[in-house]
């Protein structure tokens, strides 16, 4: 054993369910369920380490955390070694993205009865018991707060990644508002699937400078062949934005450049998600 290790872990409870991740094969405590996190590297703050670990393991970004509890583990570890670890647990009050298994074997939101039965490493067991005691046999207490969720919304408003673009399909148009690549305000846009790939356009009718949709009307015709402006009944080809019927026939929607970002799409010129 060489000194002590400082480790951070995040606690996220949503709708009474606790986020847990399963350690992959090849690591100590493989196959056990834990609070996602990892070692604090040199010159990192614990909060920075938690953000990095959650991005690497879960493909999400905590944007609001608060200290909750700490544990010290001093005893045997797998492989016959000994360990001295100080674990800092943080409540995650807001997170950008949907957790998925990237650097871990699996993730799940577990209700209290299920979490009680999950095998955990020694360092996580006491904190899990504490959360179960606070739940008093009912659902876990949610960690997300209004302030944290407000920070999530603010983060998303600045992020060029288009939310829900991972699930883009030919039967769906995704509306979005994102920062312009030059940083001058926001742009309202439409993301649509075509046989040749995704296309994006400004959500502004060429005939009049108003959005194509007004009160949540479908942006595709019933047969899915055209984008439709509900102000003037104009029809636009999804492949190139050309208006083929209506008062702006022959004109086109303004295109927006997009780039692949993970499983979805982002406006070109934006930073990493």
C-alpha atoms as a PDB file:
ATOM      1  CA  UNK A   1       0.000   0.000   0.000  1.00  0.00           C
ATOM      2  CA  UNK A   2       1.432   3.379  -1.025  1.00  0.00           C
ATOM      3  CA  UNK A   3      -0.314   6.198   0.861  1.00  0.00           C
ATOM      4  CA  UNK A   4      -3.940   7.018   0.269  1.00  0.00           C
ATOM      5  CA  UNK A   5      -5.966   7.549  -2.880  1.00  0.00           C
ATOM      6  CA  UNK A   6      -8.590  10.271  -3.239  1.00  0.00           C
ATOM      7  CA  UNK A   7     -11.670   9.127  -5.148  1.00  0.00           C
ATOM      8  CA  UNK A   8     -14.869  10.987  -6.057  1.00  0.00           C
ATOM      9  CA  UNK A   9     -18.311   9.518  -6.705  1.00  0.00           C
ATOM     10  CA  UNK A  10     -21.596  11.058  -7.779  1.00  0.00           C
ATOM     11  CA  UNK A  11     -25.082  10.395  -6.460  1.00  0.00           C
ATOM     12  CA  UNK A  12     -27.903  11.069  -8.917  1.00  0.00           C
ATOM     13  CA  UNK A  13     -31.481  10.272  -7.950  1.00  0.00           C
ATOM     14  CA  UNK A  14     -34.226  10.936 -10.464  1.00  0.00           C
ATOM     15  CA  UNK A  15     -37.895  10.195  -9.766  1.00  0.00           C
ATOM     16  CA  UNK A  16     -36.912   8.147  -6.721  1.00  0.00           C
ATOM     17  CA  UNK A  17     -34.401   5.941  -8.580  1.00  0.00           C
ATOM     18  CA  UNK A  18     -30.665   5.873  -7.913  1.00  0.00           C
ATOM     19  CA  UNK A  19     -28.133   5.838 -10.748  1.00  0.00           C
ATOM     20  CA  UNK A  20     -25.622   2.992 -10.383  1.00  0.00           C
ATOM     21  CA  UNK A  21     -22.930   1.679 -12.723  1.00  0.00           C
ATOM     22  CA  UNK A  22     -21.373  -1.793 -12.930  1.00  0.00           C
ATOM     23  CA  UNK A  23     -17.607  -2.139 -12.926  1.00  0.00           C
ATOM     24  CA  UNK A  24     -16.231  -3.816 -16.064  1.00  0.00           C
ATOM     25  CA  UNK A  25     -14.059  -6.906 -16.252  1.00  0.00           C
ATOM     26  CA  UNK A  26     -10.363  -6.354 -15.676  1.00  0.00           C
ATOM     27  CA  UNK A  27     -10.823  -3.825 -12.881  1.00  0.00           C
ATOM     28  CA  UNK A  28     -10.832  -4.282  -9.128  1.00  0.00           C
ATOM     29  CA  UNK A  29     -14.288  -5.224  -7.856  1.00  0.00           C
ATOM     30  CA  UNK A  30     -15.361  -6.203 -11.400  1.00  0.00           C
ATOM     31  CA  UNK A  31     -19.061  -6.920 -11.723  1.00  0.00           C
ATOM     32  CA  UNK A  32     -20.047  -4.929  -8.616  1.00  0.00           C
ATOM     33  CA  UNK A  33     -22.370  -1.926  -8.707  1.00  0.00           C
ATOM     34  CA  UNK A  34     -21.121   1.455  -7.546  1.00  0.00           C
ATOM     35  CA  UNK A  35     -21.698   5.194  -7.549  1.00  0.00           C
ATOM     36  CA  UNK A  36     -20.067   6.412 -10.790  1.00  0.00           C
ATOM     37  CA  UNK A  37     -16.762   8.193 -10.336  1.00  0.00           C
ATOM     38  CA  UNK A  38     -13.044   7.593 -10.056  1.00  0.00           C
ATOM     39  CA  UNK A  39      -9.641   8.755  -8.918  1.00  0.00           C
ATOM     40  CA  UNK A  40      -8.773  12.440  -8.559  1.00  0.00           C
ATOM     41  CA  UNK A  41      -5.745  13.087 -10.754  1.00  0.00           C
ATOM     42  CA  UNK A  42      -2.876  15.441  -9.967  1.00  0.00           C
ATOM     43  CA  UNK A  43      -3.828  19.142 -10.180  1.00  0.00           C
ATOM     44  CA  UNK A  44      -7.545  18.260 -10.412  1.00  0.00           C
ATOM     45  CA  UNK A  45     -10.181  19.446  -7.994  1.00  0.00           C
ATOM     46  CA  UNK A  46     -12.615  16.752  -6.845  1.00  0.00           C
ATOM     47  CA  UNK A  47     -15.396  18.519  -8.742  1.00  0.00           C
ATOM     48  CA  UNK A  48     -13.345  18.560 -11.957  1.00  0.00           C
ATOM     49  CA  UNK A  49     -12.543  14.876 -11.511  1.00  0.00           C
ATOM     50  CA  UNK A  50     -16.214  14.020 -11.107  1.00  0.00           C
ATOM     51  CA  UNK A  51     -17.113  15.835 -14.335  1.00  0.00           C
ATOM     52  CA  UNK A  52     -14.280  14.099 -16.219  1.00  0.00           C
ATOM     53  CA  UNK A  53     -15.157  10.646 -14.881  1.00  0.00           C
ATOM     54  CA  UNK A  54     -18.854  10.988 -15.691  1.00  0.00           C
ATOM     55  CA  UNK A  55     -18.050  12.118 -19.208  1.00  0.00           C
ATOM     56  CA  UNK A  56     -15.666   9.191 -19.705  1.00  0.00           C
ATOM     57  CA  UNK A  57     -17.869   6.551 -18.095  1.00  0.00           C
ATOM     58  CA  UNK A  58     -21.438   7.732 -18.756  1.00  0.00           C
ATOM     59  CA  UNK A  59     -21.215  10.278 -21.607  1.00  0.00           C
ATOM     60  CA  UNK A  60     -22.946  12.948 -19.486  1.00  0.00           C
ATOM     61  CA  UNK A  61     -21.842  16.183 -17.823  1.00  0.00           C
ATOM     62  CA  UNK A  62     -22.733  17.107 -14.231  1.00  0.00           C
ATOM     63  CA  UNK A  63     -23.327  20.861 -14.106  1.00  0.00           C
ATOM     64  CA  UNK A  64     -24.324  21.251 -10.451  1.00  0.00           C
ATOM     65  CA  UNK A  65     -22.901  19.198  -7.575  1.00  0.00           C
ATOM     66  CA  UNK A  66     -22.830  19.574  -3.812  1.00  0.00           C
ATOM     67  CA  UNK A  67     -20.800  17.695  -1.152  1.00  0.00           C
ATOM     68  CA  UNK A  68     -22.754  14.948   0.587  1.00  0.00           C
ATOM     69  CA  UNK A  69     -20.551  12.582   2.570  1.00  0.00           C
ATOM     70  CA  UNK A  70     -17.111  11.007   2.734  1.00  0.00           C
ATOM     71  CA  UNK A  71     -15.862   7.535   3.606  1.00  0.00           C
ATOM     72  CA  UNK A  72     -12.431   6.096   4.329  1.00  0.00           C
ATOM     73  CA  UNK A  73     -11.654   2.514   3.388  1.00  0.00           C
ATOM     74  CA  UNK A  74      -8.596   0.839   4.898  1.00  0.00           C
ATOM     75  CA  UNK A  75      -8.343  -2.876   4.298  1.00  0.00           C
ATOM     76  CA  UNK A  76      -7.784  -5.704   1.853  1.00  0.00           C
ATOM     77  CA  UNK A  77      -8.402  -5.225  -1.847  1.00  0.00           C
ATOM     78  CA  UNK A  78      -8.723  -7.712  -4.716  1.00  0.00           C
ATOM     79  CA  UNK A  79      -5.426  -9.397  -5.621  1.00  0.00           C
ATOM     80  CA  UNK A  80      -4.226  -9.634  -2.031  1.00  0.00           C
ATOM     81  CA  UNK A  81      -3.163  -5.989  -1.711  1.00  0.00           C
ATOM     82  CA  UNK A  82      -4.300  -3.452   0.846  1.00  0.00           C
ATOM     83  CA  UNK A  83      -5.950  -0.136   0.163  1.00  0.00           C
ATOM     84  CA  UNK A  84      -6.414   3.159   1.914  1.00  0.00           C
ATOM     85  CA  UNK A  85      -8.971   5.214  -0.005  1.00  0.00           C
ATOM     86  CA  UNK A  86     -10.824   8.393   0.873  1.00  0.00           C
ATOM     87  CA  UNK A  87     -14.067   8.653  -1.077  1.00  0.00           C
ATOM     88  CA  UNK A  88     -15.817  11.990  -1.527  1.00  0.00           C
ATOM     89  CA  UNK A  89     -19.486  11.621  -2.429  1.00  0.00           C
ATOM     90  CA  UNK A  90     -21.295  14.447  -4.207  1.00  0.00           C
ATOM     91  CA  UNK A  91     -24.983  14.891  -4.914  1.00  0.00           C
ATOM     92  CA  UNK A  92     -25.542  15.626  -8.593  1.00  0.00           C
ATOM     93  CA  UNK A  93     -28.207  18.340  -8.852  1.00  0.00           C
ATOM     94  CA  UNK A  94     -28.197  18.662 -12.648  1.00  0.00           C
ATOM     95  CA  UNK A  95     -26.788  16.615 -15.502  1.00  0.00           C
ATOM     96  CA  UNK A  96     -26.597  17.225 -19.255  1.00  0.00           C
ATOM     97  CA  UNK A  97     -27.313  14.146 -21.337  1.00  0.00           C
ATOM     98  CA  UNK A  98     -28.733  10.667 -20.765  1.00  0.00           C
ATOM     99  CA  UNK A  99     -26.418   8.253 -18.925  1.00  0.00           C
ATOM    100  CA  UNK A 100     -25.218   5.309 -20.996  1.00  0.00           C
ATOM    101  CA  UNK A 101     -22.522   2.692 -20.505  1.00  0.00           C
ATOM    102  CA  UNK A 102     -19.362   3.986 -22.191  1.00  0.00           C
ATOM    103  CA  UNK A 103     -16.499   3.285 -19.783  1.00  0.00           C
ATOM    104  CA  UNK A 104     -18.494   0.937 -17.557  1.00  0.00           C
ATOM    105  CA  UNK A 105     -20.183  -2.413 -18.072  1.00  0.00           C
ATOM    106  CA  UNK A 106     -23.770  -1.219 -17.496  1.00  0.00           C
ATOM    107  CA  UNK A 107     -25.847   1.559 -15.920  1.00  0.00           C
ATOM    108  CA  UNK A 108     -29.272   1.534 -14.339  1.00  0.00           C
ATOM    109  CA  UNK A 109     -31.644   3.720 -12.347  1.00  0.00           C
ATOM    110  CA  UNK A 110     -32.506   1.424  -9.456  1.00  0.00           C
ATOM    111  CA  UNK A 111     -35.461   1.859  -7.076  1.00  0.00           C
ATOM    112  CA  UNK A 112     -34.689   1.441  -3.391  1.00  0.00           C
ATOM    113  CA  UNK A 113     -35.779  -2.234  -3.091  1.00  0.00           C
ATOM    114  CA  UNK A 114     -33.563  -3.171  -6.037  1.00  0.00           C
ATOM    115  CA  UNK A 115     -30.577  -1.045  -4.974  1.00  0.00           C
ATOM    116  CA  UNK A 116     -30.660  -2.690  -1.556  1.00  0.00           C
ATOM    117  CA  UNK A 117     -29.835  -6.027  -3.201  1.00  0.00           C
ATOM    118  CA  UNK A 118     -27.051  -4.867  -5.527  1.00  0.00           C
ATOM    119  CA  UNK A 119     -23.533  -6.078  -4.602  1.00  0.00           C
ATOM    120  CA  UNK A 120     -21.260  -3.054  -4.072  1.00  0.00           C
ATOM    121  CA  UNK A 121     -17.581  -2.427  -3.262  1.00  0.00           C
ATOM    122  CA  UNK A 122     -16.861  -1.757   0.427  1.00  0.00           C
ATOM    123  CA  UNK A 123     -16.428   1.969  -0.113  1.00  0.00           C
ATOM    124  CA  UNK A 124     -19.931   2.377  -1.535  1.00  0.00           C
ATOM    125  CA  UNK A 125     -21.843   0.122   0.856  1.00  0.00           C
ATOM    126  CA  UNK A 126     -22.046   2.549   3.800  1.00  0.00           C
ATOM    127  CA  UNK A 127     -23.218   5.467   1.647  1.00  0.00           C
ATOM    128  CA  UNK A 128     -25.849   3.275  -0.010  1.00  0.00           C
ATOM    129  CA  UNK A 129     -27.115   2.264   3.449  1.00  0.00           C
ATOM    130  CA  UNK A 130     -27.258   5.931   4.438  1.00  0.00           C
ATOM    131  CA  UNK A 131     -29.342   6.806   1.367  1.00  0.00           C
ATOM    132  CA  UNK A 132     -31.671   3.890   2.073  1.00  0.00           C
ATOM    133  CA  UNK A 133     -32.117   5.075   5.667  1.00  0.00           C
ATOM    134  CA  UNK A 134     -32.950   8.578   4.450  1.00  0.00           C
ATOM    135  CA  UNK A 135     -35.512   7.049   2.083  1.00  0.00           C
ATOM    136  CA  UNK A 136     -37.181   5.380   5.095  1.00  0.00           C
ATOM    137  CA  UNK A 137     -38.112   2.346   3.046  1.00  0.00           C
ATOM    138  CA  UNK A 138     -39.715   4.428   0.296  1.00  0.00           C
ATOM    139  CA  UNK A 139     -38.307   6.002  -2.857  1.00  0.00           C
ATOM    140  CA  UNK A 140     -34.893   7.610  -2.754  1.00  0.00           C
ATOM    141  CA  UNK A 141     -34.933  11.392  -2.301  1.00  0.00           C
ATOM    142  CA  UNK A 142     -34.321  13.118  -5.636  1.00  0.00           C
ATOM    143  CA  UNK A 143     -31.013  14.971  -5.890  1.00  0.00           C
ATOM    144  CA  UNK A 144     -31.926  17.145  -8.875  1.00  0.00           C
ATOM    145  CA  UNK A 145     -32.905  20.673  -7.836  1.00  0.00           C
ATOM    146  CA  UNK A 146     -34.586  23.594  -9.566  1.00  0.00           C
ATOM    147  CA  UNK A 147     -31.300  25.493  -9.489  1.00  0.00           C
ATOM    148  CA  UNK A 148     -29.465  22.515 -10.980  1.00  0.00           C
ATOM    149  CA  UNK A 149     -32.040  22.019 -13.721  1.00  0.00           C
ATOM    150  CA  UNK A 150     -31.861  25.744 -14.525  1.00  0.00           C
ATOM    151  CA  UNK A 151     -28.110  25.341 -15.044  1.00  0.00           C
ATOM    152  CA  UNK A 152     -28.808  22.384 -17.333  1.00  0.00           C
ATOM    153  CA  UNK A 153     -31.155  24.529 -19.428  1.00  0.00           C
ATOM    154  CA  UNK A 154     -28.582  27.317 -19.572  1.00  0.00           C
ATOM    155  CA  UNK A 155     -25.886  24.862 -20.634  1.00  0.00           C
ATOM    156  CA  UNK A 156     -28.076  23.421 -23.375  1.00  0.00           C
ATOM    157  CA  UNK A 157     -28.884  26.885 -24.703  1.00  0.00           C
ATOM    158  CA  UNK A 158     -25.151  27.467 -25.316  1.00  0.00           C
ATOM    159  CA  UNK A 159     -24.314  23.987 -26.584  1.00  0.00           C
ATOM    160  CA  UNK A 160     -24.339  23.508 -30.391  1.00  0.00           C
ATOM    161  CA  UNK A 161     -25.447  19.886 -29.971  1.00  0.00           C
ATOM    162  CA  UNK A 162     -29.076  19.454 -31.057  1.00  0.00           C
ATOM    163  CA  UNK A 163     -31.021  17.701 -28.322  1.00  0.00           C
ATOM    164  CA  UNK A 164     -32.769  14.461 -29.309  1.00  0.00           C
ATOM    165  CA  UNK A 165     -30.962  14.414 -32.663  1.00  0.00           C
ATOM    166  CA  UNK A 166     -29.800  10.877 -31.852  1.00  0.00           C
ATOM    167  CA  UNK A 167     -33.373   9.733 -32.493  1.00  0.00           C
ATOM    168  CA  UNK A 168     -33.854  11.599 -35.797  1.00  0.00           C
ATOM    169  CA  UNK A 169     -36.038   9.587 -38.198  1.00  0.00           C
ATOM    170  CA  UNK A 170     -37.764  10.166 -41.576  1.00  0.00           C
ATOM    171  CA  UNK A 171     -41.085  10.659 -39.793  1.00  0.00           C
ATOM    172  CA  UNK A 172     -39.836  13.404 -37.499  1.00  0.00           C
ATOM    173  CA  UNK A 173     -38.579  16.981 -37.679  1.00  0.00           C
ATOM    174  CA  UNK A 174     -36.644  18.353 -34.705  1.00  0.00           C
ATOM    175  CA  UNK A 175     -37.015  22.054 -33.896  1.00  0.00           C
ATOM    176  CA  UNK A 176     -34.159  23.736 -32.042  1.00  0.00           C
ATOM    177  CA  UNK A 177     -32.724  27.064 -30.913  1.00  0.00           C
ATOM    178  CA  UNK A 178     -28.958  27.206 -30.758  1.00  0.00           C
ATOM    179  CA  UNK A 179     -26.173  29.804 -30.587  1.00  0.00           C
ATOM    180  CA  UNK A 180     -25.015  30.986 -33.986  1.00  0.00           C
ATOM    181  CA  UNK A 181     -21.534  29.748 -34.951  1.00  0.00           C
ATOM    182  CA  UNK A 182     -20.290  33.366 -34.891  1.00  0.00           C
ATOM    183  CA  UNK A 183     -21.709  33.861 -31.401  1.00  0.00           C
ATOM    184  CA  UNK A 184     -24.131  36.593 -32.495  1.00  0.00           C
ATOM    185  CA  UNK A 185     -27.340  35.523 -30.810  1.00  0.00           C
ATOM    186  CA  UNK A 186     -29.461  32.428 -31.377  1.00  0.00           C
ATOM    187  CA  UNK A 187     -30.774  30.746 -34.489  1.00  0.00           C
ATOM    188  CA  UNK A 188     -34.048  28.811 -34.743  1.00  0.00           C
ATOM    189  CA  UNK A 189     -33.714  25.750 -36.912  1.00  0.00           C
ATOM    190  CA  UNK A 190     -35.218  22.527 -38.196  1.00  0.00           C
ATOM    191  CA  UNK A 191     -33.394  19.213 -38.442  1.00  0.00           C
ATOM    192  CA  UNK A 192     -34.845  16.694 -40.896  1.00  0.00           C
ATOM    193  CA  UNK A 193     -33.797  13.257 -42.168  1.00  0.00           C
ATOM    194  CA  UNK A 194     -33.477  12.614 -45.909  1.00  0.00           C
ATOM    195  CA  UNK A 195     -32.321   9.581 -47.942  1.00  0.00           C
ATOM    196  CA  UNK A 196     -28.965  11.358 -48.351  1.00  0.00           C
ATOM    197  CA  UNK A 197     -28.519  12.171 -44.657  1.00  0.00           C
ATOM    198  CA  UNK A 198     -29.645  14.825 -42.204  1.00  0.00           C
ATOM    199  CA  UNK A 199     -30.306  18.406 -43.317  1.00  0.00           C
ATOM    200  CA  UNK A 200     -30.871  21.537 -41.258  1.00  0.00           C
ATOM    201  CA  UNK A 201     -32.571  24.813 -42.186  1.00  0.00           C
ATOM    202  CA  UNK A 202     -33.469  28.070 -40.501  1.00  0.00           C
ATOM    203  CA  UNK A 203     -37.021  27.892 -39.250  1.00  0.00           C
ATOM    204  CA  UNK A 204     -38.033  30.975 -41.240  1.00  0.00           C
ATOM    205  CA  UNK A 205     -40.396  31.028 -44.213  1.00  0.00           C
ATOM    206  CA  UNK A 206     -38.907  32.752 -47.324  1.00  0.00           C
ATOM    207  CA  UNK A 207     -42.276  34.435 -47.982  1.00  0.00           C
ATOM    208  CA  UNK A 208     -42.427  36.127 -44.587  1.00  0.00           C
ATOM    209  CA  UNK A 209     -39.898  36.204 -41.767  1.00  0.00           C
ATOM    210  CA  UNK A 210     -41.872  33.994 -39.412  1.00  0.00           C
ATOM    211  CA  UNK A 211     -41.414  30.340 -38.319  1.00  0.00           C
ATOM    212  CA  UNK A 212     -43.016  27.585 -40.390  1.00  0.00           C
ATOM    213  CA  UNK A 213     -44.809  26.228 -37.324  1.00  0.00           C
ATOM    214  CA  UNK A 214     -46.997  28.278 -35.004  1.00  0.00           C
ATOM    215  CA  UNK A 215     -48.454  26.229 -32.165  1.00  0.00           C
ATOM    216  CA  UNK A 216     -46.774  22.858 -32.408  1.00  0.00           C
ATOM    217  CA  UNK A 217     -48.330  21.767 -35.708  1.00  0.00           C
ATOM    218  CA  UNK A 218     -46.580  18.893 -37.547  1.00  0.00           C
ATOM    219  CA  UNK A 219     -43.760  20.167 -39.724  1.00  0.00           C
ATOM    220  CA  UNK A 220     -44.103  17.318 -42.208  1.00  0.00           C
ATOM    221  CA  UNK A 221     -47.029  16.614 -44.487  1.00  0.00           C
ATOM    222  CA  UNK A 222     -49.071  13.520 -43.626  1.00  0.00           C
ATOM    223  CA  UNK A 223     -47.216  11.465 -46.235  1.00  0.00           C
ATOM    224  CA  UNK A 224     -43.855  12.644 -44.887  1.00  0.00           C
ATOM    225  CA  UNK A 225     -42.705  13.944 -48.273  1.00  0.00           C
ATOM    226  CA  UNK A 226     -42.559  17.694 -47.626  1.00  0.00           C
ATOM    227  CA  UNK A 227     -41.857  20.250 -44.954  1.00  0.00           C
ATOM    228  CA  UNK A 228     -44.919  22.445 -44.611  1.00  0.00           C
ATOM    229  CA  UNK A 229     -45.369  26.095 -43.628  1.00  0.00           C
ATOM    230  CA  UNK A 230     -48.592  26.444 -41.648  1.00  0.00           C
ATOM    231  CA  UNK A 231     -48.775  30.173 -42.288  1.00  0.00           C
ATOM    232  CA  UNK A 232     -49.172  30.016 -46.068  1.00  0.00           C
ATOM    233  CA  UNK A 233     -49.412  26.317 -46.880  1.00  0.00           C
ATOM    234  CA  UNK A 234     -46.065  26.301 -48.689  1.00  0.00           C
ATOM    235  CA  UNK A 235     -44.354  22.940 -49.277  1.00  0.00           C
ATOM    236  CA  UNK A 236     -40.575  22.444 -49.143  1.00  0.00           C
ATOM    237  CA  UNK A 237     -38.433  19.521 -50.255  1.00  0.00           C
ATOM    238  CA  UNK A 238     -36.504  18.153 -47.247  1.00  0.00           C
ATOM    239  CA  UNK A 239     -33.475  17.306 -49.436  1.00  0.00           C
ATOM    240  CA  UNK A 240     -32.682  20.899 -50.472  1.00  0.00           C
ATOM    241  CA  UNK A 241     -35.277  23.161 -48.805  1.00  0.00           C
ATOM    242  CA  UNK A 242     -36.739  24.189 -52.179  1.00  0.00           C
ATOM    243  CA  UNK A 243     -40.328  25.458 -52.088  1.00  0.00           C
ATOM    244  CA  UNK A 244     -42.405  23.530 -54.670  1.00  0.00           C
ATOM    245  CA  UNK A 245     -45.839  24.959 -53.838  1.00  0.00           C
ATOM    246  CA  UNK A 246     -47.117  28.136 -52.237  1.00  0.00           C
ATOM    247  CA  UNK A 247     -46.420  31.865 -52.413  1.00  0.00           C
ATOM    248  CA  UNK A 248     -42.630  31.338 -52.155  1.00  0.00           C
ATOM    249  CA  UNK A 249     -42.442  28.697 -54.909  1.00  0.00           C
ATOM    250  CA  UNK A 250     -38.926  28.541 -56.355  1.00  0.00           C
ATOM    251  CA  UNK A 251     -37.313  30.015 -53.236  1.00  0.00           C
ATOM    252  CA  UNK A 252     -35.516  27.916 -50.624  1.00  0.00           C
ATOM    253  CA  UNK A 253     -35.159  27.678 -46.877  1.00  0.00           C
ATOM    254  CA  UNK A 254     -31.817  28.967 -45.612  1.00  0.00           C
ATOM    255  CA  UNK A 255     -29.537  25.955 -44.965  1.00  0.00           C
ATOM    256  CA  UNK A 256     -27.577  25.516 -41.752  1.00  0.00           C
ATOM    257  CA  UNK A 257     -24.342  23.558 -41.675  1.00  0.00           C
ATOM    258  CA  UNK A 258     -24.345  20.610 -39.283  1.00  0.00           C
ATOM    259  CA  UNK A 259     -21.742  18.053 -38.230  1.00  0.00           C
ATOM    260  CA  UNK A 260     -21.889  14.640 -36.637  1.00  0.00           C
ATOM    261  CA  UNK A 261     -21.509  14.725 -32.850  1.00  0.00           C
ATOM    262  CA  UNK A 262     -21.540  11.278 -31.308  1.00  0.00           C
ATOM    263  CA  UNK A 263     -24.795   9.580 -32.270  1.00  0.00           C
ATOM    264  CA  UNK A 264     -26.455  12.913 -33.102  1.00  0.00           C
ATOM    265  CA  UNK A 265     -25.875  16.255 -34.792  1.00  0.00           C
ATOM    266  CA  UNK A 266     -24.590  19.711 -33.885  1.00  0.00           C
ATOM    267  CA  UNK A 267     -24.397  23.057 -35.625  1.00  0.00           C
ATOM    268  CA  UNK A 268     -21.052  23.380 -37.384  1.00  0.00           C
ATOM    269  CA  UNK A 269     -18.592  25.686 -35.656  1.00  0.00           C
ATOM    270  CA  UNK A 270     -19.582  24.704 -32.118  1.00  0.00           C
ATOM    271  CA  UNK A 271     -17.276  23.306 -29.473  1.00  0.00           C
ATOM    272  CA  UNK A 272     -17.241  19.748 -28.066  1.00  0.00           C
ATOM    273  CA  UNK A 273     -20.361  18.467 -26.415  1.00  0.00           C
END
